[in-house]
Amino acid sequence: MWGDPARLCQVVENLLTNAGKFTESGGSITVSLETENSDAILRVRDTGIGMAPQAIGRVFELFTQLDTSLERSQSGLGIGLSLVKTLVEAHGGTVAAHSVGLGQGSELVVRLPLHRGDT
């Protein structure tokens, strides 16, 4: 894979930080990496608070906080996932969020192109 190692690490860090903020003690966060066709696929799943279906489309918007009931110190500024999207797209990839609903956890999926050959 071609990419900026510091920025790709920042993507992973932001995804894990986000999952940790919204997963209670005793919950779980699972990270997996696989290849599919010519892409690397990174999945971060958690058993946290999840997202309402109508909110999933807004999760990558700058300064968006889906759960405003959390204290500002716990919920953050709403920058992390927007930055993830920007960095992933700068590397030619995509990012998507999935959740069955509130209380059902969530999954964020990053898809990045793999470099093949000598080009």
C-alpha atoms as a PDB file:
ATOM      1  CA  MET A   1       0.000   0.000   0.000  1.00  0.00           C
ATOM      2  CA  TRP A   2       1.231   3.465  -0.818  1.00  0.00           C
ATOM      3  CA  GLY A   3       0.468   6.100   1.767  1.00  0.00           C
ATOM      4  CA  ASP A   4       1.641   8.398   4.490  1.00  0.00           C
ATOM      5  CA  PRO A   5       2.327   6.123   7.485  1.00  0.00           C
ATOM      6  CA  ALA A   6       1.746   8.927   9.998  1.00  0.00           C
ATOM      7  CA  ARG A   7      -1.654   9.795   8.501  1.00  0.00           C
ATOM      8  CA  LEU A   8      -2.737   6.163   8.219  1.00  0.00           C
ATOM      9  CA  CYS A   9      -1.801   5.645  11.879  1.00  0.00           C
ATOM     10  CA  GLN A  10      -3.866   8.729  12.675  1.00  0.00           C
ATOM     11  CA  VAL A  11      -6.852   7.130  10.925  1.00  0.00           C
ATOM     12  CA  VAL A  12      -6.540   3.970  13.034  1.00  0.00           C
ATOM     13  CA  GLU A  13      -5.986   5.966  16.232  1.00  0.00           C
ATOM     14  CA  ASN A  14      -9.079   8.114  15.623  1.00  0.00           C
ATOM     15  CA  LEU A  15     -11.237   5.070  14.879  1.00  0.00           C
ATOM     16  CA  LEU A  16     -10.078   3.320  18.055  1.00  0.00           C
ATOM     17  CA  THR A  17     -10.461   6.457  20.174  1.00  0.00           C
ATOM     18  CA  ASN A  18     -13.987   6.936  18.865  1.00  0.00           C
ATOM     19  CA  ALA A  19     -14.910   3.308  19.572  1.00  0.00           C
ATOM     20  CA  GLY A  20     -13.456   3.589  23.068  1.00  0.00           C
ATOM     21  CA  LYS A  21     -15.448   6.723  23.887  1.00  0.00           C
ATOM     22  CA  PHE A  22     -18.755   5.058  23.131  1.00  0.00           C
ATOM     23  CA  THR A  23     -18.124   1.556  24.504  1.00  0.00           C
ATOM     24  CA  GLU A  24     -18.785   1.036  28.191  1.00  0.00           C
ATOM     25  CA  SER A  25     -16.458  -0.839  30.506  1.00  0.00           C
ATOM     26  CA  GLY A  26     -16.859  -4.558  29.847  1.00  0.00           C
ATOM     27  CA  GLY A  27     -17.741  -3.973  26.193  1.00  0.00           C
ATOM     28  CA  SER A  28     -15.511  -4.987  23.329  1.00  0.00           C
ATOM     29  CA  ILE A  29     -13.748  -3.418  20.385  1.00  0.00           C
ATOM     30  CA  THR A  30     -12.631  -5.645  17.529  1.00  0.00           C
ATOM     31  CA  VAL A  31     -10.183  -4.637  14.820  1.00  0.00           C
ATOM     32  CA  SER A  32      -9.713  -6.679  11.657  1.00  0.00           C
ATOM     33  CA  LEU A  33      -7.745  -6.216   8.462  1.00  0.00           C
ATOM     34  CA  GLU A  34      -8.339  -8.204   5.302  1.00  0.00           C
ATOM     35  CA  THR A  35      -7.885  -7.908   1.586  1.00  0.00           C
ATOM     36  CA  GLU A  36     -10.644  -8.055  -0.985  1.00  0.00           C
ATOM     37  CA  ASN A  37      -9.774  -7.811  -4.678  1.00  0.00           C
ATOM     38  CA  SER A  38      -7.403  -4.852  -4.852  1.00  0.00           C
ATOM     39  CA  ASP A  39      -8.364  -3.247  -1.516  1.00  0.00           C
ATOM     40  CA  ALA A  40      -7.276  -3.464   2.095  1.00  0.00           C
ATOM     41  CA  ILE A  41     -10.300  -3.400   4.386  1.00  0.00           C
ATOM     42  CA  LEU A  42      -9.960  -2.255   7.993  1.00  0.00           C
ATOM     43  CA  ARG A  43     -12.952  -2.831  10.267  1.00  0.00           C
ATOM     44  CA  VAL A  44     -13.378  -1.410  13.759  1.00  0.00           C
ATOM     45  CA  ARG A  45     -16.415  -2.892  15.520  1.00  0.00           C
ATOM     46  CA  ASP A  46     -17.626  -2.063  18.988  1.00  0.00           C
ATOM     47  CA  THR A  47     -20.416  -3.102  21.323  1.00  0.00           C
ATOM     48  CA  GLY A  48     -21.034   0.506  22.323  1.00  0.00           C
ATOM     49  CA  ILE A  49     -24.022   2.802  22.153  1.00  0.00           C
ATOM     50  CA  GLY A  50     -24.526   2.410  18.389  1.00  0.00           C
ATOM     51  CA  MET A  51     -26.182   4.925  16.095  1.00  0.00           C
ATOM     52  CA  ALA A  52     -29.727   5.592  15.023  1.00  0.00           C
ATOM     53  CA  PRO A  53     -30.184   4.816  11.306  1.00  0.00           C
ATOM     54  CA  GLN A  54     -31.007   8.438  10.460  1.00  0.00           C
ATOM     55  CA  ALA A  55     -27.766   9.620  12.136  1.00  0.00           C
ATOM     56  CA  ILE A  56     -25.317   7.376  10.272  1.00  0.00           C
ATOM     57  CA  GLY A  57     -25.133   9.703   7.273  1.00  0.00           C
ATOM     58  CA  ARG A  58     -23.983  12.594   9.492  1.00  0.00           C
ATOM     59  CA  VAL A  59     -21.280  10.812  11.461  1.00  0.00           C
ATOM     60  CA  PHE A  60     -18.446  12.054   9.194  1.00  0.00           C
ATOM     61  CA  GLU A  61     -19.589  15.692   9.112  1.00  0.00           C
ATOM     62  CA  LEU A  62     -17.266  18.184  10.797  1.00  0.00           C
ATOM     63  CA  PHE A  63     -18.294  19.130  14.362  1.00  0.00           C
ATOM     64  CA  THR A  64     -21.118  16.570  14.424  1.00  0.00           C
ATOM     65  CA  GLN A  65     -21.854  14.949  17.769  1.00  0.00           C
ATOM     66  CA  LEU A  66     -24.516  12.286  17.614  1.00  0.00           C
ATOM     67  CA  ASP A  67     -24.846  11.809  21.372  1.00  0.00           C
ATOM     68  CA  THR A  68     -25.150  15.242  22.938  1.00  0.00           C
ATOM     69  CA  SER A  69     -26.021  13.730  26.309  1.00  0.00           C
ATOM     70  CA  LEU A  70     -22.343  12.944  26.940  1.00  0.00           C
ATOM     71  CA  GLU A  71     -20.122  15.477  28.656  1.00  0.00           C
ATOM     72  CA  ARG A  72     -17.968  17.490  26.254  1.00  0.00           C
ATOM     73  CA  SER A  73     -14.824  15.909  27.792  1.00  0.00           C
ATOM     74  CA  GLN A  74     -16.108  12.450  26.876  1.00  0.00           C
ATOM     75  CA  SER A  75     -17.750  13.123  23.538  1.00  0.00           C
ATOM     76  CA  GLY A  76     -15.030  15.210  21.890  1.00  0.00           C
ATOM     77  CA  LEU A  77     -15.330  18.035  19.403  1.00  0.00           C
ATOM     78  CA  GLY A  78     -16.748  16.183  16.412  1.00  0.00           C
ATOM     79  CA  ILE A  79     -13.517  16.397  14.430  1.00  0.00           C
ATOM     80  CA  GLY A  80     -12.083  12.853  14.584  1.00  0.00           C
ATOM     81  CA  LEU A  81     -14.311  11.009  12.118  1.00  0.00           C
ATOM     82  CA  SER A  82     -14.357  13.957   9.723  1.00  0.00           C
ATOM     83  CA  LEU A  83     -10.570  13.848   9.733  1.00  0.00           C
ATOM     84  CA  VAL A  84     -10.663  10.082   9.163  1.00  0.00           C
ATOM     85  CA  LYS A  85     -12.821  10.614   6.082  1.00  0.00           C
ATOM     86  CA  THR A  86     -10.557  13.350   4.730  1.00  0.00           C
ATOM     87  CA  LEU A  87      -7.376  11.293   5.230  1.00  0.00           C
ATOM     88  CA  VAL A  88      -8.855   8.086   3.818  1.00  0.00           C
ATOM     89  CA  GLU A  89     -10.164   9.880   0.731  1.00  0.00           C
ATOM     90  CA  ALA A  90      -6.761  11.562   0.269  1.00  0.00           C
ATOM     91  CA  HIS A  91      -5.330   8.029   0.025  1.00  0.00           C
ATOM     92  CA  GLY A  92      -7.902   7.062  -2.621  1.00  0.00           C
ATOM     93  CA  GLY A  93     -10.113   5.146  -0.214  1.00  0.00           C
ATOM     94  CA  THR A  94     -13.549   5.250   1.344  1.00  0.00           C
ATOM     95  CA  VAL A  95     -14.938   5.010   4.858  1.00  0.00           C
ATOM     96  CA  ALA A  96     -18.425   3.944   5.919  1.00  0.00           C
ATOM     97  CA  ALA A  97     -20.317   3.606   9.185  1.00  0.00           C
ATOM     98  CA  HIS A  98     -22.802   0.866  10.037  1.00  0.00           C
ATOM     99  CA  SER A  99     -25.041   0.260  13.047  1.00  0.00           C
ATOM    100  CA  VAL A 100     -28.176  -1.775  13.579  1.00  0.00           C
ATOM    101  CA  GLY A 101     -29.415   0.934  15.943  1.00  0.00           C
ATOM    102  CA  LEU A 102     -29.056   2.503  19.355  1.00  0.00           C
ATOM    103  CA  GLY A 103     -27.560   0.153  21.915  1.00  0.00           C
ATOM    104  CA  GLN A 104     -26.395  -2.234  19.179  1.00  0.00           C
ATOM    105  CA  GLY A 105     -22.788  -1.118  18.684  1.00  0.00           C
ATOM    106  CA  SER A 106     -21.295   0.143  15.468  1.00  0.00           C
ATOM    107  CA  GLU A 107     -18.783  -0.704  12.776  1.00  0.00           C
ATOM    108  CA  LEU A 108     -16.576   1.649  10.804  1.00  0.00           C
ATOM    109  CA  VAL A 109     -15.097   0.252   7.598  1.00  0.00           C
ATOM    110  CA  VAL A 110     -12.115   1.781   5.818  1.00  0.00           C
ATOM    111  CA  ARG A 111     -11.354   0.579   2.298  1.00  0.00           C
ATOM    112  CA  LEU A 112      -7.953   1.533   0.849  1.00  0.00           C
ATOM    113  CA  PRO A 113      -6.486   0.565  -2.527  1.00  0.00           C
ATOM    114  CA  LEU A 114      -3.542  -1.807  -2.515  1.00  0.00           C
ATOM    115  CA  HIS A 115      -0.544  -1.125  -4.679  1.00  0.00           C
ATOM    116  CA  ARG A 116       0.222  -3.956  -7.068  1.00  0.00           C
ATOM    117  CA  GLY A 117       3.262  -4.261  -9.309  1.00  0.00           C
ATOM    118  CA  ASP A 118       5.997  -1.797 -10.140  1.00  0.00           C
ATOM    119  CA  THR A 119       3.909   1.262 -11.053  1.00  0.00           C
END
